[in-house]
Amino acid sequence: MATAAALFLAALLTELLRAAAVRTGVLDRPGGHKGHTRPTPHFGGVAVVAATLTVAAIGPWDVPVPLLGAAVAVAVLGLVDDLRPLGARVRVIVETGAAAVVVYDAGLSLLTGALAVGWIVFVTNAFNLLDNSDGAMGAVGAVTALGLAPCALYEDRPGLAVLLCLLAAALGGFLVHNWHPARIFLGDCGSLFTGFVLASAAVAVHAGSTPAQAAGGLLTLTLVVTADTALVVASRRRAGRPLLHGGTDHIAHRLRRLGLTAQGAAVALGLAAAAATGAGILIHRGWLPPSAALVFAVAALLAVVRLLKVRVYGTVRATARTRTAAVEAAQVQA
């Protein structure tokens, strides 16, 4: 019932926020590095956060308050960034402080804790980067949350498992409106919140694991976002493009250039996340050796190498003409 409530509430709030954004003109407008061709609301993440927090707060379960409080701080950071873009330094400082709260609560040693903080910040932003194509982030986020939930139960963390299930359900409600053609985007508020909760939960459930088991589990549970970030960094460095600027050079965009539809790309990413997350569950339970993560890492590396060969960068002038024509066509249709 709780997950159904989170799903329904997220779907309802997303529609209300979409309508309000359209009425007030607070929209993410196309242009520059952006892939969409018509102005679109980008506050869907507010609905995901609100639905998750509301259902978590009214239930009888003992949700992890430090983790949730830190996640709210990251969500607020994302909302501010949606309204007025912040510098990378400010974002990293806030995310690092929030991650430190989670790591301190997990009781990790100084060295392990420092590594965990860096990893949480990396994964948080990797999920933010994955929010680049209709349905992609929502699908991967929901699958990862559902994969982490049984790990939390195995570690006797039912409150954390409930939180993860609520997040997955809220993302499902949002996906009703974000499936291609998307009528609203998640925005930094939702993608940073999702990434932070998932990264923090992964650290929490592996706090008592051996180093090898933790490394294998953490790698597989977040393999899709890690591969996407690695692909983008390698591609932009090779092309001499700024690393911190957005672009249509992610896995989803390349899959579409290979012939998949936007829906197909989202499903493919979701299935890849399901396979990797399943391996992460088995490694966490001890049913697979940590070295099994290397098989998935090699497969991801081969996929990245193959996708690097897909051409995504044209000349600046040609790209600008194409985008301008697309915007004009969308305005005519509207």
Protein backbone atom coordinates (compact mmCIF):
# COMPACT_ATOMS: atom_id res chain seq x y z
CA MET A 1 0.00 0.00 0.00
CA ALA A 2 2.82 2.41 0.85
CA THR A 3 4.51 1.96 -2.52
CA ALA A 4 1.18 2.40 -4.31
CA ALA A 5 0.62 5.62 -2.37
CA ALA A 6 4.08 6.91 -3.30
CA LEU A 7 3.54 6.05 -6.96
CA PHE A 8 0.11 7.69 -7.12
CA LEU A 9 1.21 10.77 -5.17
CA ALA A 10 4.27 11.26 -7.37
CA ALA A 11 2.20 10.93 -10.54
CA LEU A 12 -0.37 13.43 -9.24
CA LEU A 13 2.18 15.96 -7.99
CA THR A 14 4.17 15.70 -11.22
CA GLU A 15 1.09 16.60 -13.26
CA LEU A 16 0.23 19.50 -10.94
CA LEU A 17 3.78 20.85 -11.11
CA ARG A 18 3.84 20.46 -14.88
CA ALA A 19 0.61 22.41 -15.27
CA ALA A 20 1.82 25.15 -12.90
CA ALA A 21 5.14 25.47 -14.73
CA VAL A 22 3.41 25.76 -18.11
CA ARG A 23 1.05 28.41 -16.72
CA THR A 24 3.84 30.50 -15.21
CA GLY A 25 6.33 29.97 -18.02
CA VAL A 26 9.01 28.44 -15.78
CA LEU A 27 10.36 26.06 -18.41
CA ASP A 28 13.62 24.51 -19.53
CA ARG A 29 14.06 26.07 -22.94
CA PRO A 30 15.93 24.35 -25.78
CA GLY A 31 19.22 25.60 -27.09
CA GLY A 32 22.93 25.15 -26.63
CA HIS A 33 23.81 21.62 -25.51
CA LYS A 34 20.22 20.62 -24.73
CA GLY A 35 18.65 17.80 -26.67
CA HIS A 36 14.95 18.71 -26.44
CA THR A 37 13.27 20.88 -29.04
CA ARG A 38 10.45 22.57 -27.15
CA PRO A 39 10.17 24.35 -23.76
CA THR A 40 9.52 21.73 -21.07
CA PRO A 41 8.98 21.94 -17.29
CA HIS A 42 11.87 20.52 -15.28
CA PHE A 43 10.59 20.28 -11.73
CA GLY A 44 9.50 16.64 -11.76
CA GLY A 45 12.11 15.90 -9.12
CA VAL A 46 10.19 17.99 -6.61
CA ALA A 47 7.29 15.55 -6.95
CA VAL A 48 9.58 12.53 -6.50
CA VAL A 49 11.16 14.02 -3.38
CA ALA A 50 7.83 15.15 -1.92
CA ALA A 51 6.11 11.81 -2.53
CA THR A 52 9.01 9.83 -1.06
CA LEU A 53 9.28 12.02 2.04
CA THR A 54 5.54 12.26 2.65
CA VAL A 55 4.87 8.52 2.62
CA ALA A 56 8.08 7.82 4.56
CA ALA A 57 7.05 10.32 7.25
CA ILE A 58 3.51 9.07 7.83
CA GLY A 59 4.32 5.36 8.04
CA PRO A 60 5.26 3.30 11.13
CA TRP A 61 8.70 2.35 9.79
CA ASP A 62 12.00 3.57 11.18
CA VAL A 63 13.58 5.31 8.19
CA PRO A 64 17.24 6.39 8.48
CA VAL A 65 16.88 10.02 9.55
CA PRO A 66 20.53 11.12 9.01
CA LEU A 67 20.51 9.74 5.46
CA LEU A 68 17.12 11.25 4.69
CA GLY A 69 18.08 14.63 6.15
CA ALA A 70 21.28 14.72 4.11
CA ALA A 71 19.33 13.71 1.00
CA VAL A 72 16.88 16.57 1.54
CA ALA A 73 19.81 19.00 1.72
CA VAL A 74 21.07 17.66 -1.61
CA ALA A 75 17.56 17.94 -3.09
CA VAL A 76 17.35 21.59 -2.01
CA LEU A 77 20.75 22.15 -3.60
CA GLY A 78 19.41 20.66 -6.82
CA LEU A 79 16.26 22.79 -6.71
CA VAL A 80 18.32 25.95 -6.30
CA ASP A 81 20.48 24.81 -9.21
CA ASP A 82 17.35 24.27 -11.32
CA LEU A 83 16.24 27.84 -10.61
CA ARG A 84 19.65 29.50 -10.83
CA PRO A 85 22.60 27.36 -11.95
CA LEU A 86 25.31 27.03 -9.31
CA GLY A 87 29.01 26.54 -9.76
CA ALA A 88 30.53 23.07 -9.52
CA ARG A 89 32.45 24.04 -6.38
CA VAL A 90 29.31 24.93 -4.42
CA ARG A 91 27.62 21.71 -5.46
CA VAL A 92 30.57 19.54 -4.49
CA ILE A 93 30.96 21.26 -1.11
CA VAL A 94 27.31 20.69 -0.18
CA GLU A 95 27.32 17.12 -1.49
CA THR A 96 30.52 16.34 0.41
CA GLY A 97 29.05 17.65 3.64
CA ALA A 98 25.89 15.61 3.14
CA ALA A 99 27.91 12.49 2.32
CA ALA A 100 30.02 13.00 5.44
CA VAL A 101 26.84 12.86 7.55
CA VAL A 102 25.91 9.49 6.05
CA VAL A 103 29.42 8.08 6.41
CA TYR A 104 29.68 9.22 10.03
CA ASP A 105 26.35 7.57 10.80
CA ALA A 106 27.61 4.35 9.18
CA GLY A 107 30.55 4.27 11.59
CA LEU A 108 33.26 3.84 8.97
CA SER A 109 36.95 4.37 9.71
CA LEU A 110 38.67 7.58 8.65
CA LEU A 111 40.28 6.20 5.48
CA THR A 112 37.30 4.08 4.45
CA GLY A 113 34.99 6.97 5.27
CA ALA A 114 36.96 9.39 3.10
CA LEU A 115 36.79 6.96 0.18
CA ALA A 116 33.06 6.48 0.79
CA VAL A 117 32.43 10.23 0.80
CA GLY A 118 34.20 10.62 -2.53
CA TRP A 119 32.31 7.68 -3.97
CA ILE A 120 28.93 9.02 -2.84
CA VAL A 121 29.66 12.41 -4.42
CA PHE A 122 30.75 10.71 -7.66
CA VAL A 123 27.67 8.48 -7.91
CA THR A 124 25.33 11.35 -7.00
CA ASN A 125 26.62 13.38 -9.93
CA ALA A 126 26.77 10.34 -12.22
CA PHE A 127 23.01 9.89 -11.75
CA ASN A 128 22.60 13.60 -12.42
CA LEU A 129 24.47 13.16 -15.71
CA LEU A 130 22.28 10.19 -16.64
CA ASP A 131 19.22 12.46 -16.63
CA ASN A 132 19.73 13.24 -20.32
CA SER A 133 17.08 11.26 -22.22
CA ASP A 134 13.39 10.59 -21.70
CA GLY A 135 12.86 7.78 -19.19
CA ALA A 136 16.55 6.89 -18.76
CA MET A 137 17.25 8.18 -15.25
CA GLY A 138 13.88 7.12 -13.91
CA ALA A 139 14.23 3.58 -15.21
CA VAL A 140 17.79 3.05 -13.97
CA GLY A 141 17.06 4.75 -10.65
CA ALA A 142 13.97 2.65 -9.95
CA VAL A 143 15.73 -0.61 -10.87
CA THR A 144 18.74 0.24 -8.69
CA ALA A 145 16.53 1.15 -5.74
CA LEU A 146 14.63 -2.13 -6.02
CA GLY A 147 17.94 -3.99 -6.18
CA LEU A 148 19.31 -2.30 -3.07
CA ALA A 149 16.14 -2.95 -1.04
CA PRO A 150 16.75 -6.71 -0.47
CA CYS A 151 20.36 -5.91 0.46
CA ALA A 152 19.06 -3.56 3.13
CA LEU A 153 16.68 -6.23 4.43
CA TYR A 154 19.52 -8.75 4.60
CA GLU A 155 21.47 -6.26 6.75
CA ASP A 156 18.44 -5.89 9.04
CA ARG A 157 17.73 -2.35 7.83
CA PRO A 158 13.96 -2.53 7.13
CA GLY A 159 13.55 1.23 7.33
CA LEU A 160 16.15 1.74 4.63
CA ALA A 161 14.53 -0.97 2.50
CA VAL A 162 11.18 0.82 2.79
CA LEU A 163 12.77 4.13 1.80
CA LEU A 164 14.30 2.53 -1.29
CA CYS A 165 10.98 0.96 -2.30
CA LEU A 166 9.22 4.30 -1.85
CA LEU A 167 11.83 6.01 -4.01
CA ALA A 168 11.41 3.37 -6.72
CA ALA A 169 7.63 3.83 -6.63
CA ALA A 170 7.89 7.62 -6.76
CA LEU A 171 10.19 7.36 -9.78
CA GLY A 172 7.60 5.07 -11.36
CA GLY A 173 4.92 7.70 -10.86
CA PHE A 174 7.17 10.32 -12.40
CA LEU A 175 7.93 8.07 -15.39
CA VAL A 176 4.26 8.20 -16.36
CA HIS A 177 4.95 11.79 -17.44
CA ASN A 178 8.62 11.44 -18.41
CA TRP A 179 8.25 8.53 -20.84
CA HIS A 180 8.94 9.64 -24.40
CA PRO A 181 7.76 12.11 -25.48
CA ALA A 182 8.42 13.59 -22.04
CA ARG A 183 6.04 16.25 -20.78
CA ILE A 184 8.29 17.10 -17.82
CA PHE A 185 11.91 16.51 -16.81
CA LEU A 186 13.32 15.37 -13.48
CA GLY A 187 15.70 18.29 -13.02
CA ASP A 188 18.71 18.47 -10.72
CA CYS A 189 16.48 18.32 -7.64
CA GLY A 190 15.27 14.83 -8.47
CA SER A 191 18.38 13.40 -10.08
CA LEU A 192 20.72 14.52 -7.28
CA PHE A 193 18.29 13.31 -4.62
CA THR A 194 17.94 9.93 -6.30
CA GLY A 195 21.66 9.51 -6.84
CA PHE A 196 22.48 10.53 -3.29
CA VAL A 197 19.94 8.19 -1.69
CA LEU A 198 21.09 5.25 -3.81
CA ALA A 199 24.81 5.89 -3.25
CA SER A 200 24.31 6.39 0.49
CA ALA A 201 22.16 3.28 0.78
CA ALA A 202 24.78 1.24 -1.08
CA VAL A 203 27.47 2.42 1.35
CA ALA A 204 25.23 1.70 4.34
CA VAL A 205 24.45 -1.89 3.33
CA HIS A 206 28.13 -2.62 2.63
CA ALA A 207 29.47 -1.03 5.82
CA GLY A 208 30.08 -4.45 7.38
CA SER A 209 31.33 -6.19 4.24
CA THR A 210 34.90 -7.16 3.42
CA PRO A 211 36.77 -4.64 1.22
CA ALA A 212 36.60 -6.97 -1.79
CA GLN A 213 32.91 -7.69 -1.31
CA ALA A 214 32.12 -4.00 -0.84
CA ALA A 215 34.09 -3.00 -3.94
CA GLY A 216 32.42 -5.67 -6.08
CA GLY A 217 28.95 -4.87 -4.80
CA LEU A 218 29.29 -1.11 -5.14
CA LEU A 219 30.69 -1.39 -8.66
CA THR A 220 27.95 -3.63 -10.00
CA LEU A 221 25.12 -1.79 -8.27
CA THR A 222 26.10 1.45 -10.00
CA LEU A 223 27.69 0.08 -13.18
CA VAL A 224 25.37 1.78 -15.67
CA VAL A 225 25.88 5.32 -14.35
CA THR A 226 29.61 4.68 -13.97
CA ALA A 227 29.84 3.50 -17.58
CA ASP A 228 27.84 6.50 -18.81
CA THR A 229 30.10 8.94 -16.98
CA ALA A 230 33.24 7.17 -18.21
CA LEU A 231 31.95 7.27 -21.78
CA VAL A 232 31.18 10.98 -21.64
CA VAL A 233 34.51 11.91 -20.02
CA ALA A 234 36.52 9.84 -22.51
CA SER A 235 34.54 11.15 -25.47
CA ARG A 236 34.82 14.82 -24.51
CA ARG A 237 38.52 14.60 -23.67
CA ARG A 238 39.22 12.95 -27.00
CA ALA A 239 37.19 15.60 -28.85
CA GLY A 240 38.67 18.48 -26.85
CA ARG A 241 35.28 19.49 -25.46
CA PRO A 242 34.58 20.91 -21.97
CA LEU A 243 33.94 18.13 -19.46
CA LEU A 244 31.39 20.04 -17.39
CA HIS A 245 29.13 21.18 -20.24
CA GLY A 246 26.11 19.10 -21.16
CA GLY A 247 25.71 17.39 -24.49
CA THR A 248 23.98 14.70 -26.51
CA ASP A 249 26.88 12.28 -26.18
CA HIS A 250 25.64 9.90 -23.48
CA ILE A 251 24.84 6.20 -23.80
CA ALA A 252 21.16 6.85 -24.49
CA HIS A 253 21.95 9.29 -27.32
CA ARG A 254 24.40 6.87 -28.93
CA LEU A 255 21.93 4.00 -28.69
CA ARG A 256 19.41 6.15 -30.52
CA ARG A 257 21.97 6.86 -33.25
CA LEU A 258 22.38 3.09 -33.57
CA GLY A 259 18.67 2.77 -34.31
CA LEU A 260 16.89 2.45 -30.97
CA THR A 261 13.95 4.66 -30.13
CA ALA A 262 14.02 6.84 -27.01
CA GLN A 263 11.80 4.28 -25.30
CA GLY A 264 14.08 1.47 -26.45
CA ALA A 265 17.15 3.24 -25.09
CA ALA A 266 15.47 3.70 -21.70
CA VAL A 267 14.46 0.03 -21.61
CA ALA A 268 17.96 -1.07 -22.63
CA LEU A 269 19.52 0.97 -19.84
CA GLY A 270 16.97 -0.39 -17.37
CA LEU A 271 17.72 -3.98 -18.38
CA ALA A 272 21.46 -3.38 -18.12
CA ALA A 273 20.94 -1.92 -14.66
CA ALA A 274 18.81 -4.93 -13.69
CA ALA A 275 21.54 -7.38 -14.77
CA ALA A 276 24.31 -5.49 -12.98
CA THR A 277 22.19 -4.86 -9.89
CA GLY A 278 21.26 -8.55 -9.76
CA ALA A 279 24.95 -9.40 -9.71
CA GLY A 280 25.44 -6.85 -6.95
CA ILE A 281 22.78 -8.55 -4.84
CA LEU A 282 24.43 -11.96 -5.32
CA ILE A 283 27.85 -10.56 -4.41
CA HIS A 284 26.42 -8.88 -1.33
CA ARG A 285 24.83 -12.13 -0.19
CA GLY A 286 28.03 -14.07 -0.85
CA TRP A 287 26.45 -16.19 -3.59
CA LEU A 288 28.91 -14.80 -6.14
CA PRO A 289 32.60 -14.06 -5.50
CA PRO A 290 33.57 -10.36 -5.59
CA SER A 291 35.74 -11.14 -8.62
CA ALA A 292 32.52 -11.68 -10.61
CA ALA A 293 32.22 -7.90 -10.71
CA LEU A 294 35.23 -7.88 -13.04
CA VAL A 295 33.21 -9.73 -15.68
CA PHE A 296 30.58 -7.00 -15.64
CA ALA A 297 33.26 -4.29 -15.56
CA VAL A 298 34.93 -5.75 -18.66
CA ALA A 299 31.56 -6.01 -20.43
CA ALA A 300 30.84 -2.37 -19.58
CA LEU A 301 34.30 -1.34 -20.80
CA LEU A 302 33.77 -3.13 -24.12
CA ALA A 303 30.39 -1.42 -24.49
CA VAL A 304 31.97 1.98 -23.80
CA VAL A 305 34.71 1.34 -26.37
CA ARG A 306 32.09 0.33 -28.95
CA LEU A 307 29.90 3.34 -28.23
CA LEU A 308 32.88 5.70 -28.48
CA LYS A 309 32.91 4.86 -32.19
CA VAL A 310 29.39 6.25 -32.64
CA ARG A 311 29.67 9.75 -34.08
CA VAL A 312 27.87 12.32 -31.97
CA TYR A 313 29.83 15.51 -32.63
CA GLY A 314 29.27 17.45 -35.83
CA THR A 315 30.59 20.84 -36.75
CA VAL A 316 29.43 23.62 -34.48
CA ARG A 317 27.83 25.51 -37.38
CA ALA A 318 25.94 22.48 -38.65
CA THR A 319 24.80 21.57 -35.16
CA ALA A 320 23.52 25.10 -34.56
CA ARG A 321 21.60 25.13 -37.86
CA THR A 322 20.04 21.75 -37.11
CA ARG A 323 18.98 22.77 -33.62
CA THR A 324 17.57 26.10 -34.78
CA ALA A 325 15.52 24.34 -37.45
CA ALA A 326 14.21 21.85 -34.90
CA VAL A 327 13.17 24.62 -32.51
CA GLU A 328 11.40 26.53 -35.29
CA ALA A 329 9.58 23.37 -36.36
CA ALA A 330 8.46 22.70 -32.80
CA GLN A 331 7.19 26.28 -32.45
CA VAL A 332 5.19 25.93 -35.68
CA GLN A 333 3.66 22.67 -34.42
CA ALA A 334 2.77 24.29 -31.11
